[in-house]
Amino acid sequence: MKTAIVWFNGPSRDSYLNIEKKYTEFGCNHIRRHRAVDHVCVYDPITVPYVNVEPNVKYWTRNGHSEFEHFKQVWYAIINQPQNSGVMAVRCALNLGYKKIYIIGCDWGITNKSVYQYKRQSELKYSNSQCRLLERWDKEPGVEIIVVRNDNKQRDLRLLHTEHIQ
């Protein structure tokens, strides 16, 4: 099964930054400061100009924003519309044919903190619609989305949770 890792920006991701690279990796915004991922997804158009573009990395932003050089658009139907970079990275991986997706750094329901500080940052890192969106994608035929965590705290997602990437 085509497998990918998607890095969200929750603080729990820090304890996984040095894991061995086994699969294609997607990350959000400034992830390449800390991890050499293959794909960088930036949902917010105001953040795009601040992302350092490097060779041999694929860069993505939400559909409708073709004005950014070096950035391709992640296409989705309105019913599948992500509202943040992490969920958009999962959609990007699905669009590219990845069926088993491990999410690292998803701390929804645990903390609102991000490893990056942005000028405008909402208190809530997710919404019920984004939780249901990931859960709905997980139910698509052949798709498995798994939250990786290093504690016993249940995230606000009805998805499989694990401590280790297989």
Protein backbone atom coordinates (compact mmCIF):
# COMPACT_ATOMS: atom_id res chain seq x y z
CA MET A 1 0.00 0.00 0.00
CA LYS A 2 1.34 3.45 -0.93
CA THR A 3 2.19 5.05 2.44
CA ALA A 4 2.90 8.65 3.49
CA ILE A 5 3.58 10.63 6.64
CA VAL A 6 1.89 14.00 7.15
CA TRP A 7 3.42 16.35 9.70
CA PHE A 8 0.99 18.67 11.48
CA ASN A 9 2.31 21.56 13.62
CA GLY A 10 1.34 20.39 17.11
CA PRO A 11 4.13 20.25 19.73
CA SER A 12 3.94 16.45 20.01
CA ARG A 13 5.62 16.22 16.61
CA ASP A 14 8.97 17.35 18.07
CA SER A 15 9.65 13.96 19.68
CA TYR A 16 9.39 12.33 16.23
CA LEU A 17 11.56 14.70 14.20
CA ASN A 18 14.54 12.32 14.17
CA ILE A 19 12.73 9.17 13.12
CA GLU A 20 14.10 7.26 10.15
CA LYS A 21 12.64 8.35 6.84
CA LYS A 22 10.78 5.36 5.38
CA TYR A 23 7.97 6.94 3.38
CA THR A 24 7.13 10.02 1.34
CA GLU A 25 6.55 12.92 3.73
CA PHE A 26 4.26 15.94 3.61
CA GLY A 27 4.54 18.85 6.02
CA CYS A 28 3.06 22.24 6.75
CA ASN A 29 4.44 25.71 6.18
CA HIS A 30 7.95 25.94 7.68
CA ILE A 31 8.49 22.23 8.35
CA ARG A 32 11.70 22.14 6.30
CA ARG A 33 13.43 24.14 9.04
CA HIS A 34 13.24 20.93 11.08
CA ARG A 35 12.52 17.99 8.77
CA ALA A 36 13.44 17.26 5.14
CA VAL A 37 9.95 16.45 3.85
CA ASP A 38 9.21 15.86 0.17
CA HIS A 39 6.09 18.05 -0.05
CA VAL A 40 5.29 21.33 1.73
CA CYS A 41 1.64 22.40 1.99
CA VAL A 42 0.69 26.01 2.78
CA TYR A 43 -3.01 26.69 3.14
CA ASP A 44 -2.86 30.40 3.98
CA PRO A 45 -1.93 32.60 0.98
CA ILE A 46 -0.43 35.21 3.33
CA THR A 47 2.09 32.60 4.53
CA VAL A 48 3.25 31.51 1.05
CA PRO A 49 5.75 34.40 0.53
CA TYR A 50 7.48 33.53 3.82
CA VAL A 51 8.16 29.91 2.91
CA ASN A 52 11.70 29.31 1.71
CA VAL A 53 11.46 27.44 -1.62
CA GLU A 54 14.16 24.80 -2.06
CA PRO A 55 15.05 22.62 -5.05
CA ASN A 56 13.72 19.05 -5.28
CA VAL A 57 10.79 19.81 -2.99
CA LYS A 58 7.19 20.06 -4.17
CA TYR A 59 5.17 23.01 -2.86
CA TRP A 60 1.39 23.13 -2.66
CA THR A 61 -1.30 25.66 -1.77
CA ARG A 62 -5.08 25.57 -1.87
CA ASN A 63 -6.94 25.58 -5.12
CA GLY A 64 -7.81 28.96 -6.56
CA HIS A 65 -4.34 30.36 -5.84
CA SER A 66 -2.34 29.79 -9.00
CA GLU A 67 -0.55 33.14 -8.65
CA PHE A 68 2.31 31.73 -6.59
CA GLU A 69 5.43 30.69 -8.48
CA HIS A 70 6.70 27.22 -7.50
CA PHE A 71 3.37 26.30 -5.85
CA LYS A 72 0.92 23.83 -7.35
CA GLN A 73 -2.70 23.75 -6.27
CA VAL A 74 -4.26 20.98 -4.19
CA TRP A 75 -7.58 20.29 -5.89
CA TYR A 76 -10.68 19.22 -3.97
CA ALA A 77 -14.42 19.41 -4.28
CA ILE A 78 -16.12 21.92 -1.98
CA ILE A 79 -17.39 19.03 0.17
CA ASN A 80 -13.73 18.08 0.79
CA GLN A 81 -12.46 21.59 1.50
CA PRO A 82 -9.67 21.71 4.07
CA GLN A 83 -9.41 24.72 6.37
CA ASN A 84 -5.78 24.38 7.42
CA SER A 85 -2.43 23.23 6.07
CA GLY A 86 -2.43 19.88 7.86
CA VAL A 87 -5.77 18.71 6.53
CA MET A 88 -4.83 20.07 3.10
CA ALA A 89 -1.60 18.01 3.25
CA VAL A 90 -3.68 14.88 3.89
CA ARG A 91 -5.87 15.76 0.89
CA CYS A 92 -2.74 16.31 -1.22
CA ALA A 93 -1.40 12.88 -0.25
CA LEU A 94 -4.74 11.26 -1.09
CA ASN A 95 -4.82 13.08 -4.44
CA LEU A 96 -1.36 11.69 -5.21
CA GLY A 97 -2.51 8.12 -4.54
CA TYR A 98 -1.32 7.53 -0.98
CA LYS A 99 -3.73 5.22 0.83
CA LYS A 100 -2.08 4.72 4.23
CA ILE A 101 -1.37 8.02 5.92
CA TYR A 102 0.26 8.52 9.30
CA ILE A 103 -0.37 11.93 10.90
CA ILE A 104 2.29 13.18 13.32
CA GLY A 105 1.79 16.33 15.42
CA CYS A 106 -2.00 16.36 15.45
CA ASP A 107 -2.75 17.53 18.99
CA TRP A 108 -6.42 18.37 18.45
CA GLY A 109 -8.21 18.34 21.79
CA ILE A 110 -4.91 18.24 23.70
CA THR A 111 -3.50 21.73 23.10
CA ASN A 112 -4.02 24.74 20.84
CA LYS A 113 -0.28 25.41 20.67
CA SER A 114 1.66 25.33 17.42
CA VAL A 115 5.39 24.85 16.98
CA TYR A 116 5.29 27.99 14.84
CA GLN A 117 3.94 31.35 15.90
CA TYR A 118 1.97 33.26 13.32
CA LYS A 119 0.85 36.87 13.34
CA ARG A 120 -2.78 35.87 13.28
CA GLN A 121 -3.48 32.68 15.13
CA SER A 122 -6.87 31.48 16.23
CA GLU A 123 -7.23 29.80 19.58
CA LEU A 124 -8.87 26.77 17.99
CA LYS A 125 -6.61 24.66 15.79
CA TYR A 126 -9.44 22.68 14.25
CA SER A 127 -13.19 22.50 13.86
CA ASN A 128 -15.71 19.69 14.00
CA SER A 129 -16.01 19.89 10.22
CA GLN A 130 -12.27 19.23 9.82
CA CYS A 131 -12.45 16.29 12.23
CA ARG A 132 -15.38 14.80 10.30
CA LEU A 133 -13.57 15.44 7.01
CA LEU A 134 -10.55 13.34 8.05
CA GLU A 135 -12.86 10.68 9.46
CA ARG A 136 -14.85 10.58 6.21
CA TRP A 137 -11.69 10.25 4.10
CA ASP A 138 -10.57 7.39 6.38
CA LYS A 139 -13.74 5.52 5.40
CA GLU A 140 -13.00 5.74 1.67
CA PRO A 141 -12.22 2.32 0.15
CA GLY A 142 -8.63 1.29 0.79
CA VAL A 143 -7.77 4.42 2.82
CA GLU A 144 -6.32 4.23 6.33
CA ILE A 145 -5.49 7.42 8.27
CA ILE A 146 -3.66 6.87 11.56
CA VAL A 147 -2.76 9.43 14.25
CA VAL A 148 0.70 8.92 15.74
CA ARG A 149 1.06 9.98 19.36
CA ASN A 150 3.61 9.50 22.11
CA ASP A 151 1.22 9.75 25.04
CA ASN A 152 -2.02 8.09 26.13
CA LYS A 153 -4.18 11.12 25.35
CA GLN A 154 -6.96 10.59 22.87
CA ARG A 155 -7.15 13.25 20.15
CA ASP A 156 -10.51 14.65 19.05
CA LEU A 157 -10.57 12.32 16.07
CA ARG A 158 -12.31 9.00 15.64
CA LEU A 159 -9.31 7.51 13.88
CA LEU A 160 -6.90 4.75 14.78
CA HIS A 161 -4.15 5.98 17.14
CA THR A 162 -0.69 4.43 17.46
CA GLU A 163 2.71 5.15 19.01
CA HIS A 164 4.76 3.65 16.19
CA ILE A 165 4.86 3.88 12.43
CA GLN A 166 4.84 0.43 10.81
